[in-house]
Amino acid sequence: MKSPSSLLLLTATAVLAAQPEAIQRVTLDDRVVVTVPVATNRVTTLSFPGPITAIDAAGVSADPKAPGQFQLAHTKGSSFLSVRAVTRKAASNLNIRWNKHTYVFELVESDAPLLALTLEERPPRPATQAAPVVSPTRLLALLDKAKSFPLLKQQHPESVAQVEVRTFGEKPQVTDLSDYEIRIDEIFRFNPEDTLVFRVTLRNQSDNEIRYRPDSFAVRAGNRLYHQSISDAAGALPPRAESTVYFALTGTPDGGRNELSLKNEFSVLVTRLTPQPPLPPTTEALPTYPEEGWP
C-alpha cells in the first residue's frame, strides 16, 4: 500500500507533466495565425511583452450581459487579457495590436484548452560584424606572403603561424570554360584581415590568345559571389599555355566579414575580353530516302 506522501508525489508529478501542454510560450510573428483552444469552464490568459494597444474581434464580448461566443476580460493599458468560450463549438478570430503590429489569434472552443499563453518578442538579429579595413599595401603584403609561404614556413614559421592553407594537389577544383579553364591549386586564409588568397592556374586550351580583365576575378561559394580585392595577373593567356595567378578577396559585398571556410567548394570566374569562339558547325548527316522507280 502506498503512503499518502507517495500518492501526493505522484499527483504532483502528473500535474507537472500536464503543464507543457496547457502552458505555452510562442514567439510573436505577425505573419502567422496562432490557434488558441479555449474551454467553456476554464480561463485562458494571453500575456504580451508590453501594454496592448487595441483589440478587435467578432463574436467576442467584454460585457458579461452581452451575447457572444467568447467572453473577454482586459484592463486598458495592461499587457494581458483573459478569454473563455461561452458556447460549444465556438470559433472566432482575435486581432491584437501591439508595438505597431497586428497579431491574429484563432479562438476555438476545446475540451483541451490552453490555460496560459505567453507571447515573446523575436530576439534581435545579431549585428553583422564589419569587415576589417585592409589597405592596398597590406593586401600586396598578403599576396607576397602567400607566394613565399613554403619558404616562410620553413625559415620563419612564426610569421605564418595563423595562416590557414588548403592545397589541392592532384584533385584541384576546376572551372571549365570550354576553350580555357581555371584550376584552383591552393587557398590561404588570413583571418585577422578576413582575406582569402587564391593561387590558380589559367590554362588556354585553344590555338588563339585569350585576353581577360586582370582586375575582374570573382569567386562563387554556394549562392554568393565574392569579388576580388586585389590580383596579380597578366591579363593575357598565350595559345596552349598556362599562367599562374594570385588574387585575394576580402569581406563580403555588403561590407561584413565573409568568414569563409577553406572547406567550401569554390568556382573562379573572370571577365573575358577576347570574343568567345563560334560554335562548331553541325555535321549531322541528313537522312536519305530510296529513289522511286521509273515506269
C-alpha atoms as a PDB file:
ATOM      1  CA  MET A   1       0.000   0.000   0.000  1.00  0.00           C
ATOM      2  CA  LYS A   2       1.356   3.398  -0.971  1.00  0.00           C
ATOM      3  CA  SER A   3       1.789   6.036   1.688  1.00  0.00           C
ATOM      4  CA  PRO A   4      -0.060   9.407   1.484  1.00  0.00           C
ATOM      5  CA  SER A   5       3.268  11.136   0.754  1.00  0.00           C
ATOM      6  CA  SER A   6       3.871   8.811  -2.229  1.00  0.00           C
ATOM      7  CA  LEU A   7       0.382   9.498  -3.573  1.00  0.00           C
ATOM      8  CA  LEU A   8       0.965  13.214  -3.153  1.00  0.00           C
ATOM      9  CA  LEU A   9       4.254  12.959  -5.071  1.00  0.00           C
ATOM     10  CA  LEU A  10       2.604  11.011  -7.885  1.00  0.00           C
ATOM     11  CA  THR A  11      -0.190  13.605  -8.115  1.00  0.00           C
ATOM     12  CA  ALA A  12       2.314  16.464  -8.244  1.00  0.00           C
ATOM     13  CA  THR A  13       4.300  14.647 -10.930  1.00  0.00           C
ATOM     14  CA  ALA A  14       1.158  14.150 -13.030  1.00  0.00           C
ATOM     15  CA  VAL A  15       0.279  17.838 -12.725  1.00  0.00           C
ATOM     16  CA  LEU A  16       3.779  18.910 -13.763  1.00  0.00           C
ATOM     17  CA  ALA A  17       3.689  16.559 -16.744  1.00  0.00           C
ATOM     18  CA  ALA A  18       0.471  18.173 -17.981  1.00  0.00           C
ATOM     19  CA  GLN A  19       1.755  21.728 -17.740  1.00  0.00           C
ATOM     20  CA  PRO A  20       3.755  21.900 -21.004  1.00  0.00           C
ATOM     21  CA  GLU A  21       0.531  21.332 -22.984  1.00  0.00           C
ATOM     22  CA  ALA A  22      -1.631  23.796 -21.040  1.00  0.00           C
ATOM     23  CA  ILE A  23       1.055  26.457 -20.565  1.00  0.00           C
ATOM     24  CA  GLN A  24       2.976  27.516 -23.659  1.00  0.00           C
ATOM     25  CA  ARG A  25       5.291  30.199 -24.991  1.00  0.00           C
ATOM     26  CA  VAL A  26       5.166  31.472 -28.570  1.00  0.00           C
ATOM     27  CA  THR A  27       7.425  33.904 -30.407  1.00  0.00           C
ATOM     28  CA  LEU A  28       5.430  36.786 -31.842  1.00  0.00           C
ATOM     29  CA  ASP A  29       5.099  36.744 -35.629  1.00  0.00           C
ATOM     30  CA  ASP A  30       2.583  38.996 -37.388  1.00  0.00           C
ATOM     31  CA  ARG A  31       2.679  36.720 -40.464  1.00  0.00           C
ATOM     32  CA  VAL A  32       1.328  33.664 -38.614  1.00  0.00           C
ATOM     33  CA  VAL A  33      -2.141  32.897 -37.235  1.00  0.00           C
ATOM     34  CA  VAL A  34      -1.894  31.320 -33.777  1.00  0.00           C
ATOM     35  CA  THR A  35      -4.656  28.870 -32.867  1.00  0.00           C
ATOM     36  CA  VAL A  36      -5.720  29.074 -29.217  1.00  0.00           C
ATOM     37  CA  PRO A  37      -8.014  26.312 -27.848  1.00  0.00           C
ATOM     38  CA  VAL A  38     -10.364  27.754 -25.212  1.00  0.00           C
ATOM     39  CA  ALA A  39     -12.790  25.944 -22.882  1.00  0.00           C
ATOM     40  CA  THR A  40     -16.188  26.911 -21.505  1.00  0.00           C
ATOM     41  CA  ASN A  41     -15.221  26.024 -17.935  1.00  0.00           C
ATOM     42  CA  ARG A  42     -11.620  27.338 -17.957  1.00  0.00           C
ATOM     43  CA  VAL A  43      -9.990  30.734 -18.462  1.00  0.00           C
ATOM     44  CA  THR A  44      -7.169  31.232 -20.962  1.00  0.00           C
ATOM     45  CA  THR A  45      -4.772  34.139 -20.430  1.00  0.00           C
ATOM     46  CA  LEU A  46      -2.675  35.679 -23.193  1.00  0.00           C
ATOM     47  CA  SER A  47       0.316  37.725 -22.000  1.00  0.00           C
ATOM     48  CA  PHE A  48       2.240  40.183 -24.189  1.00  0.00           C
ATOM     49  CA  PRO A  49       5.679  41.700 -23.552  1.00  0.00           C
ATOM     50  CA  GLY A  50       4.119  45.143 -23.070  1.00  0.00           C
ATOM     51  CA  PRO A  51       0.811  47.046 -22.895  1.00  0.00           C
ATOM     52  CA  ILE A  52      -1.740  46.057 -25.528  1.00  0.00           C
ATOM     53  CA  THR A  53      -2.741  48.959 -27.797  1.00  0.00           C
ATOM     54  CA  ALA A  54      -6.048  47.691 -29.206  1.00  0.00           C
ATOM     55  CA  ILE A  55      -8.226  44.581 -29.519  1.00  0.00           C
ATOM     56  CA  ASP A  56     -10.604  43.744 -32.381  1.00  0.00           C
ATOM     57  CA  ALA A  57     -12.791  40.660 -32.570  1.00  0.00           C
ATOM     58  CA  ALA A  58     -16.067  39.242 -33.887  1.00  0.00           C
ATOM     59  CA  GLY A  59     -18.364  37.319 -31.583  1.00  0.00           C
ATOM     60  CA  VAL A  60     -16.269  38.274 -28.560  1.00  0.00           C
ATOM     61  CA  SER A  61     -17.769  40.352 -25.776  1.00  0.00           C
ATOM     62  CA  ALA A  62     -16.225  42.097 -22.783  1.00  0.00           C
ATOM     63  CA  ASP A  63     -19.665  42.592 -21.220  1.00  0.00           C
ATOM     64  CA  PRO A  64     -20.969  39.517 -19.353  1.00  0.00           C
ATOM     65  CA  LYS A  65     -24.540  40.628 -20.124  1.00  0.00           C
ATOM     66  CA  ALA A  66     -23.977  40.985 -23.855  1.00  0.00           C
ATOM     67  CA  PRO A  67     -24.228  37.859 -26.032  1.00  0.00           C
ATOM     68  CA  GLY A  68     -21.119  36.461 -27.653  1.00  0.00           C
ATOM     69  CA  GLN A  69     -19.334  33.209 -28.438  1.00  0.00           C
ATOM     70  CA  PHE A  70     -16.436  34.192 -26.195  1.00  0.00           C
ATOM     71  CA  GLN A  71     -16.155  36.331 -23.098  1.00  0.00           C
ATOM     72  CA  LEU A  72     -13.095  38.566 -22.780  1.00  0.00           C
ATOM     73  CA  ALA A  73     -11.601  40.399 -19.819  1.00  0.00           C
ATOM     74  CA  HIS A  74      -8.990  43.120 -20.324  1.00  0.00           C
ATOM     75  CA  THR A  75      -7.984  46.235 -18.435  1.00  0.00           C
ATOM     76  CA  LYS A  76      -6.941  49.120 -20.649  1.00  0.00           C
ATOM     77  CA  GLY A  77      -3.193  49.640 -20.539  1.00  0.00           C
ATOM     78  CA  SER A  78      -2.416  46.142 -19.271  1.00  0.00           C
ATOM     79  CA  SER A  79      -0.266  43.633 -21.144  1.00  0.00           C
ATOM     80  CA  PHE A  80      -2.572  40.621 -20.788  1.00  0.00           C
ATOM     81  CA  LEU A  81      -6.140  39.511 -21.404  1.00  0.00           C
ATOM     82  CA  SER A  82      -8.259  36.516 -20.451  1.00  0.00           C
ATOM     83  CA  VAL A  83     -10.850  34.744 -22.547  1.00  0.00           C
ATOM     84  CA  ARG A  84     -13.210  31.783 -22.242  1.00  0.00           C
ATOM     85  CA  ALA A  85     -15.716  30.156 -24.569  1.00  0.00           C
ATOM     86  CA  VAL A  86     -19.409  30.750 -23.874  1.00  0.00           C
ATOM     87  CA  THR A  87     -20.878  28.194 -26.274  1.00  0.00           C
ATOM     88  CA  ARG A  88     -19.797  24.798 -27.552  1.00  0.00           C
ATOM     89  CA  LYS A  89     -18.121  24.628 -30.976  1.00  0.00           C
ATOM     90  CA  ALA A  90     -17.497  28.365 -30.848  1.00  0.00           C
ATOM     91  CA  ALA A  91     -14.849  29.811 -33.157  1.00  0.00           C
ATOM     92  CA  SER A  92     -13.677  33.340 -33.892  1.00  0.00           C
ATOM     93  CA  ASN A  93     -10.554  35.393 -34.501  1.00  0.00           C
ATOM     94  CA  LEU A  94      -8.991  37.876 -32.120  1.00  0.00           C
ATOM     95  CA  ASN A  95      -6.769  40.623 -33.544  1.00  0.00           C
ATOM     96  CA  ILE A  96      -4.448  42.275 -31.057  1.00  0.00           C
ATOM     97  CA  ARG A  97      -2.471  45.411 -31.808  1.00  0.00           C
ATOM     98  CA  TRP A  98       0.888  45.625 -30.073  1.00  0.00           C
ATOM     99  CA  ASN A  99       4.106  47.511 -30.818  1.00  0.00           C
ATOM    100  CA  LYS A 100       2.767  48.796 -34.183  1.00  0.00           C
ATOM    101  CA  HIS A 101       1.947  45.283 -35.394  1.00  0.00           C
ATOM    102  CA  THR A 102      -1.279  43.283 -35.557  1.00  0.00           C
ATOM    103  CA  TYR A 103      -1.209  39.711 -34.280  1.00  0.00           C
ATOM    104  CA  VAL A 104      -4.004  37.307 -35.203  1.00  0.00           C
ATOM    105  CA  PHE A 105      -5.295  34.545 -32.925  1.00  0.00           C
ATOM    106  CA  GLU A 106      -7.864  31.927 -33.885  1.00  0.00           C
ATOM    107  CA  LEU A 107     -10.045  31.106 -30.854  1.00  0.00           C
ATOM    108  CA  VAL A 108     -11.518  27.605 -30.910  1.00  0.00           C
ATOM    109  CA  GLU A 109     -13.673  26.011 -28.228  1.00  0.00           C
ATOM    110  CA  SER A 110     -11.988  22.836 -26.977  1.00  0.00           C
ATOM    111  CA  ASP A 111     -12.018  20.311 -24.142  1.00  0.00           C
ATOM    112  CA  ALA A 112      -8.215  20.580 -24.022  1.00  0.00           C
ATOM    113  CA  PRO A 113      -7.641  24.321 -23.664  1.00  0.00           C
ATOM    114  CA  LEU A 114      -4.522  26.371 -23.243  1.00  0.00           C
ATOM    115  CA  LEU A 115      -4.576  27.917 -19.788  1.00  0.00           C
ATOM    116  CA  ALA A 116      -1.746  30.388 -20.324  1.00  0.00           C
ATOM    117  CA  LEU A 117      -0.042  31.589 -23.495  1.00  0.00           C
ATOM    118  CA  THR A 118       2.974  33.858 -23.140  1.00  0.00           C
ATOM    119  CA  LEU A 119       3.924  35.831 -26.239  1.00  0.00           C
ATOM    120  CA  GLU A 120       7.619  36.676 -26.574  1.00  0.00           C
ATOM    121  CA  GLU A 121       9.416  39.134 -28.792  1.00  0.00           C
ATOM    122  CA  ARG A 122      11.547  37.736 -31.572  1.00  0.00           C
ATOM    123  CA  PRO A 123      15.193  38.038 -30.478  1.00  0.00           C
ATOM    124  CA  PRO A 124      17.049  40.723 -32.410  1.00  0.00           C
ATOM    125  CA  ARG A 125      19.351  39.549 -35.151  1.00  0.00           C
ATOM    126  CA  PRO A 126      22.994  39.792 -34.203  1.00  0.00           C
ATOM    127  CA  ALA A 127      24.684  42.752 -35.814  1.00  0.00           C
ATOM    128  CA  THR A 128      26.849  41.841 -38.777  1.00  0.00           C
ATOM    129  CA  GLN A 129      30.478  42.293 -37.887  1.00  0.00           C
ATOM    130  CA  ALA A 130      32.091  44.733 -40.276  1.00  0.00           C
ATOM    131  CA  ALA A 131      34.967  43.531 -42.396  1.00  0.00           C
ATOM    132  CA  PRO A 132      38.351  44.915 -41.384  1.00  0.00           C
ATOM    133  CA  VAL A 133      39.747  47.791 -43.423  1.00  0.00           C
ATOM    134  CA  VAL A 134      42.707  46.339 -45.329  1.00  0.00           C
ATOM    135  CA  SER A 135      44.888  48.814 -47.187  1.00  0.00           C
ATOM    136  CA  PRO A 136      46.235  48.091 -50.702  1.00  0.00           C
ATOM    137  CA  THR A 137      49.727  47.917 -49.218  1.00  0.00           C
ATOM    138  CA  ARG A 138      48.595  45.274 -46.748  1.00  0.00           C
ATOM    139  CA  LEU A 139      46.850  43.303 -49.491  1.00  0.00           C
ATOM    140  CA  LEU A 140      50.051  43.299 -51.543  1.00  0.00           C
ATOM    141  CA  ALA A 141      51.895  42.006 -48.476  1.00  0.00           C
ATOM    142  CA  LEU A 142      49.368  39.157 -48.128  1.00  0.00           C
ATOM    143  CA  LEU A 143      49.885  38.196 -51.781  1.00  0.00           C
ATOM    144  CA  ASP A 144      53.653  38.168 -51.227  1.00  0.00           C
ATOM    145  CA  LYS A 145      53.261  36.069 -48.090  1.00  0.00           C
ATOM    146  CA  ALA A 146      51.138  33.532 -49.992  1.00  0.00           C
ATOM    147  CA  LYS A 147      53.711  33.359 -52.802  1.00  0.00           C
ATOM    148  CA  SER A 148      56.523  32.800 -50.295  1.00  0.00           C
ATOM    149  CA  PHE A 149      54.561  30.554 -47.962  1.00  0.00           C
ATOM    150  CA  PRO A 150      56.697  27.367 -48.345  1.00  0.00           C
ATOM    151  CA  LEU A 151      59.906  29.301 -47.673  1.00  0.00           C
ATOM    152  CA  LEU A 152      58.423  31.281 -44.774  1.00  0.00           C
ATOM    153  CA  LYS A 153      57.043  28.152 -43.185  1.00  0.00           C
ATOM    154  CA  GLN A 154      60.456  26.555 -43.314  1.00  0.00           C
ATOM    155  CA  GLN A 155      62.616  29.508 -42.250  1.00  0.00           C
ATOM    156  CA  HIS A 156      60.209  31.791 -40.333  1.00  0.00           C
ATOM    157  CA  PRO A 157      57.296  29.608 -39.163  1.00  0.00           C
ATOM    158  CA  GLU A 158      56.140  32.198 -36.615  1.00  0.00           C
ATOM    159  CA  SER A 159      55.278  34.623 -39.459  1.00  0.00           C
ATOM    160  CA  VAL A 160      52.690  32.217 -40.936  1.00  0.00           C
ATOM    161  CA  ALA A 161      51.542  30.516 -37.734  1.00  0.00           C
ATOM    162  CA  GLN A 162      47.998  31.938 -38.036  1.00  0.00           C
ATOM    163  CA  VAL A 163      47.624  31.301 -41.776  1.00  0.00           C
ATOM    164  CA  GLU A 164      45.250  28.509 -42.798  1.00  0.00           C
ATOM    165  CA  VAL A 165      46.134  26.662 -46.000  1.00  0.00           C
ATOM    166  CA  ARG A 166      44.356  24.240 -48.286  1.00  0.00           C
ATOM    167  CA  THR A 167      46.420  22.603 -51.031  1.00  0.00           C
ATOM    168  CA  PHE A 168      44.512  20.656 -53.668  1.00  0.00           C
ATOM    169  CA  GLY A 169      47.375  18.667 -55.181  1.00  0.00           C
ATOM    170  CA  GLU A 170      46.114  16.112 -57.681  1.00  0.00           C
ATOM    171  CA  LYS A 171      42.429  16.925 -57.051  1.00  0.00           C
ATOM    172  CA  PRO A 172      42.060  20.639 -57.848  1.00  0.00           C
ATOM    173  CA  GLN A 173      38.745  22.435 -58.166  1.00  0.00           C
ATOM    174  CA  VAL A 174      38.371  23.276 -61.859  1.00  0.00           C
ATOM    175  CA  THR A 175      36.064  25.714 -63.642  1.00  0.00           C
ATOM    176  CA  ASP A 176      35.891  24.561 -67.280  1.00  0.00           C
ATOM    177  CA  LEU A 177      35.024  27.399 -69.690  1.00  0.00           C
ATOM    178  CA  SER A 178      35.250  25.494 -72.983  1.00  0.00           C
ATOM    179  CA  ASP A 179      38.417  26.882 -74.608  1.00  0.00           C
ATOM    180  CA  TYR A 180      40.126  27.633 -71.278  1.00  0.00           C
ATOM    181  CA  GLU A 181      39.913  26.500 -67.683  1.00  0.00           C
ATOM    182  CA  ILE A 182      40.660  27.922 -64.243  1.00  0.00           C
ATOM    183  CA  ARG A 183      42.180  25.487 -61.747  1.00  0.00           C
ATOM    184  CA  ILE A 184      42.394  26.255 -58.022  1.00  0.00           C
ATOM    185  CA  ASP A 185      45.730  24.976 -56.735  1.00  0.00           C
ATOM    186  CA  GLU A 186      45.941  26.495 -53.263  1.00  0.00           C
ATOM    187  CA  ILE A 187      43.970  28.791 -50.934  1.00  0.00           C
ATOM    188  CA  PHE A 188      45.311  30.756 -47.966  1.00  0.00           C
ATOM    189  CA  ARG A 189      43.143  32.317 -45.260  1.00  0.00           C
ATOM    190  CA  PHE A 190      44.416  35.313 -43.290  1.00  0.00           C
ATOM    191  CA  ASN A 191      41.815  35.519 -40.529  1.00  0.00           C
ATOM    192  CA  PRO A 192      42.702  38.920 -38.944  1.00  0.00           C
ATOM    193  CA  GLU A 193      42.197  40.533 -42.369  1.00  0.00           C
ATOM    194  CA  ASP A 194      39.240  38.238 -43.258  1.00  0.00           C
ATOM    195  CA  THR A 195      41.026  37.675 -46.568  1.00  0.00           C
ATOM    196  CA  LEU A 196      41.437  34.619 -48.760  1.00  0.00           C
ATOM    197  CA  VAL A 197      44.299  34.467 -51.261  1.00  0.00           C
ATOM    198  CA  PHE A 198      43.843  32.100 -54.211  1.00  0.00           C
ATOM    199  CA  ARG A 199      46.640  30.591 -56.279  1.00  0.00           C
ATOM    200  CA  VAL A 200      45.062  29.461 -59.532  1.00  0.00           C
ATOM    201  CA  THR A 201      46.257  28.252 -62.899  1.00  0.00           C
ATOM    202  CA  LEU A 202      44.681  29.509 -66.112  1.00  0.00           C
ATOM    203  CA  ARG A 203      45.117  27.069 -68.999  1.00  0.00           C
ATOM    204  CA  ASN A 204      44.401  28.046 -72.589  1.00  0.00           C
ATOM    205  CA  GLN A 205      43.029  25.034 -74.464  1.00  0.00           C
ATOM    206  CA  SER A 206      42.802  26.803 -77.826  1.00  0.00           C
ATOM    207  CA  ASP A 207      45.151  27.924 -80.591  1.00  0.00           C
ATOM    208  CA  ASN A 208      44.314  31.590 -80.030  1.00  0.00           C
ATOM    209  CA  GLU A 209      45.375  34.135 -77.418  1.00  0.00           C
ATOM    210  CA  ILE A 210      42.755  34.803 -74.751  1.00  0.00           C
ATOM    211  CA  ARG A 211      42.671  38.227 -73.102  1.00  0.00           C
ATOM    212  CA  TYR A 212      40.830  38.952 -69.839  1.00  0.00           C
ATOM    213  CA  ARG A 213      40.463  41.745 -67.301  1.00  0.00           C
ATOM    214  CA  PRO A 214      43.090  41.145 -64.585  1.00  0.00           C
ATOM    215  CA  ASP A 215      41.019  43.083 -62.031  1.00  0.00           C
ATOM    216  CA  SER A 216      37.803  41.085 -62.533  1.00  0.00           C
ATOM    217  CA  PHE A 217      38.366  37.823 -60.672  1.00  0.00           C
ATOM    218  CA  ALA A 218      35.443  36.606 -58.577  1.00  0.00           C
ATOM    219  CA  VAL A 219      34.674  33.501 -56.557  1.00  0.00           C
ATOM    220  CA  ARG A 220      31.353  31.737 -56.202  1.00  0.00           C
ATOM    221  CA  ALA A 221      30.777  29.885 -52.934  1.00  0.00           C
ATOM    222  CA  GLY A 222      27.287  28.452 -52.527  1.00  0.00           C
ATOM    223  CA  ASN A 223      24.839  31.055 -53.824  1.00  0.00           C
ATOM    224  CA  ARG A 224      27.079  34.064 -53.116  1.00  0.00           C
ATOM    225  CA  LEU A 225      29.576  35.799 -55.360  1.00  0.00           C
ATOM    226  CA  TYR A 226      32.673  37.460 -53.895  1.00  0.00           C
ATOM    227  CA  HIS A 227      34.712  39.917 -55.962  1.00  0.00           C
ATOM    228  CA  GLN A 228      38.458  40.305 -55.706  1.00  0.00           C
ATOM    229  CA  SER A 229      40.128  42.947 -53.556  1.00  0.00           C
ATOM    230  CA  ILE A 230      43.472  42.676 -55.396  1.00  0.00           C
ATOM    231  CA  SER A 231      45.126  40.478 -58.011  1.00  0.00           C
ATOM    232  CA  ASP A 232      48.439  39.744 -59.675  1.00  0.00           C
ATOM    233  CA  ALA A 233      47.579  38.628 -63.203  1.00  0.00           C
ATOM    234  CA  ALA A 234      48.947  39.312 -66.700  1.00  0.00           C
ATOM    235  CA  GLY A 235      45.601  39.778 -68.451  1.00  0.00           C
ATOM    236  CA  ALA A 236      46.622  37.636 -71.433  1.00  0.00           C
ATOM    237  CA  LEU A 237      46.919  33.904 -71.955  1.00  0.00           C
ATOM    238  CA  PRO A 238      49.016  32.699 -74.950  1.00  0.00           C
ATOM    239  CA  PRO A 239      47.774  29.786 -77.088  1.00  0.00           C
ATOM    240  CA  ARG A 240      48.093  26.369 -75.456  1.00  0.00           C
ATOM    241  CA  ALA A 241      49.812  27.942 -72.440  1.00  0.00           C
ATOM    242  CA  GLU A 242      49.337  28.060 -68.681  1.00  0.00           C
ATOM    243  CA  SER A 243      49.625  31.030 -66.353  1.00  0.00           C
ATOM    244  CA  THR A 244      49.719  31.227 -62.545  1.00  0.00           C
ATOM    245  CA  VAL A 245      47.578  33.961 -60.991  1.00  0.00           C
ATOM    246  CA  TYR A 246      47.256  35.173 -57.423  1.00  0.00           C
ATOM    247  CA  PHE A 247      44.215  37.145 -56.275  1.00  0.00           C
ATOM    248  CA  ALA A 248      42.545  37.922 -52.962  1.00  0.00           C
ATOM    249  CA  LEU A 249      39.032  38.561 -51.731  1.00  0.00           C
ATOM    250  CA  THR A 250      38.226  40.411 -48.530  1.00  0.00           C
ATOM    251  CA  GLY A 251      34.917  40.568 -46.610  1.00  0.00           C
ATOM    252  CA  THR A 252      31.524  40.375 -48.300  1.00  0.00           C
ATOM    253  CA  PRO A 253      29.856  42.560 -50.959  1.00  0.00           C
ATOM    254  CA  ASP A 254      27.734  44.227 -48.243  1.00  0.00           C
ATOM    255  CA  GLY A 255      30.712  45.131 -46.062  1.00  0.00           C
ATOM    256  CA  GLY A 256      30.579  42.320 -43.495  1.00  0.00           C
ATOM    257  CA  ARG A 257      33.079  39.588 -42.684  1.00  0.00           C
ATOM    258  CA  ASN A 258      32.904  36.606 -45.024  1.00  0.00           C
ATOM    259  CA  GLU A 259      34.256  34.037 -42.511  1.00  0.00           C
ATOM    260  CA  LEU A 260      34.673  31.687 -45.463  1.00  0.00           C
ATOM    261  CA  SER A 261      35.950  28.237 -44.612  1.00  0.00           C
ATOM    262  CA  LEU A 262      38.571  26.653 -46.828  1.00  0.00           C
ATOM    263  CA  LYS A 263      36.388  23.531 -46.906  1.00  0.00           C
ATOM    264  CA  ASN A 264      33.893  25.245 -49.245  1.00  0.00           C
ATOM    265  CA  GLU A 265      33.501  24.293 -52.879  1.00  0.00           C
ATOM    266  CA  PHE A 266      34.708  27.292 -54.906  1.00  0.00           C
ATOM    267  CA  SER A 267      34.470  28.206 -58.586  1.00  0.00           C
ATOM    268  CA  VAL A 268      36.526  31.042 -60.059  1.00  0.00           C
ATOM    269  CA  LEU A 269      35.243  33.438 -62.713  1.00  0.00           C
ATOM    270  CA  VAL A 270      36.920  36.208 -64.706  1.00  0.00           C
ATOM    271  CA  THR A 271      35.687  38.725 -67.288  1.00  0.00           C
ATOM    272  CA  ARG A 272      36.863  37.756 -70.759  1.00  0.00           C
ATOM    273  CA  LEU A 273      37.818  40.417 -73.306  1.00  0.00           C
ATOM    274  CA  THR A 274      38.559  38.168 -76.306  1.00  0.00           C
ATOM    275  CA  PRO A 275      35.330  37.093 -78.069  1.00  0.00           C
ATOM    276  CA  GLN A 276      34.367  33.514 -77.473  1.00  0.00           C
ATOM    277  CA  PRO A 277      34.982  31.143 -80.401  1.00  0.00           C
ATOM    278  CA  PRO A 278      31.989  30.369 -82.644  1.00  0.00           C
ATOM    279  CA  LEU A 279      30.146  27.148 -82.116  1.00  0.00           C
ATOM    280  CA  PRO A 280      31.349  24.332 -84.396  1.00  0.00           C
ATOM    281  CA  PRO A 281      29.134  23.690 -87.454  1.00  0.00           C
ATOM    282  CA  THR A 282      26.629  20.886 -87.276  1.00  0.00           C
ATOM    283  CA  THR A 283      27.901  17.749 -89.011  1.00  0.00           C
ATOM    284  CA  GLU A 284      24.807  15.627 -88.581  1.00  0.00           C
ATOM    285  CA  ALA A 285      24.041  13.843 -91.852  1.00  0.00           C
ATOM    286  CA  LEU A 286      20.637  14.329 -93.409  1.00  0.00           C
ATOM    287  CA  PRO A 287      18.504  11.192 -93.845  1.00  0.00           C
ATOM    288  CA  THR A 288      18.428   9.616 -97.345  1.00  0.00           C
ATOM    289  CA  TYR A 289      15.459   8.010 -98.969  1.00  0.00           C
ATOM    290  CA  PRO A 290      15.400   5.429-101.816  1.00  0.00           C
ATOM    291  CA  GLU A 291      14.597   6.796-105.248  1.00  0.00           C
ATOM    292  CA  GLU A 292      11.193   5.983-106.640  1.00  0.00           C
ATOM    293  CA  GLY A 293      11.238   3.562-109.603  1.00  0.00           C
ATOM    294  CA  TRP A 294      10.502   4.817-113.111  1.00  0.00           C
ATOM    295  CA  PRO A 295       7.667   3.307-115.011  1.00  0.00           C
END
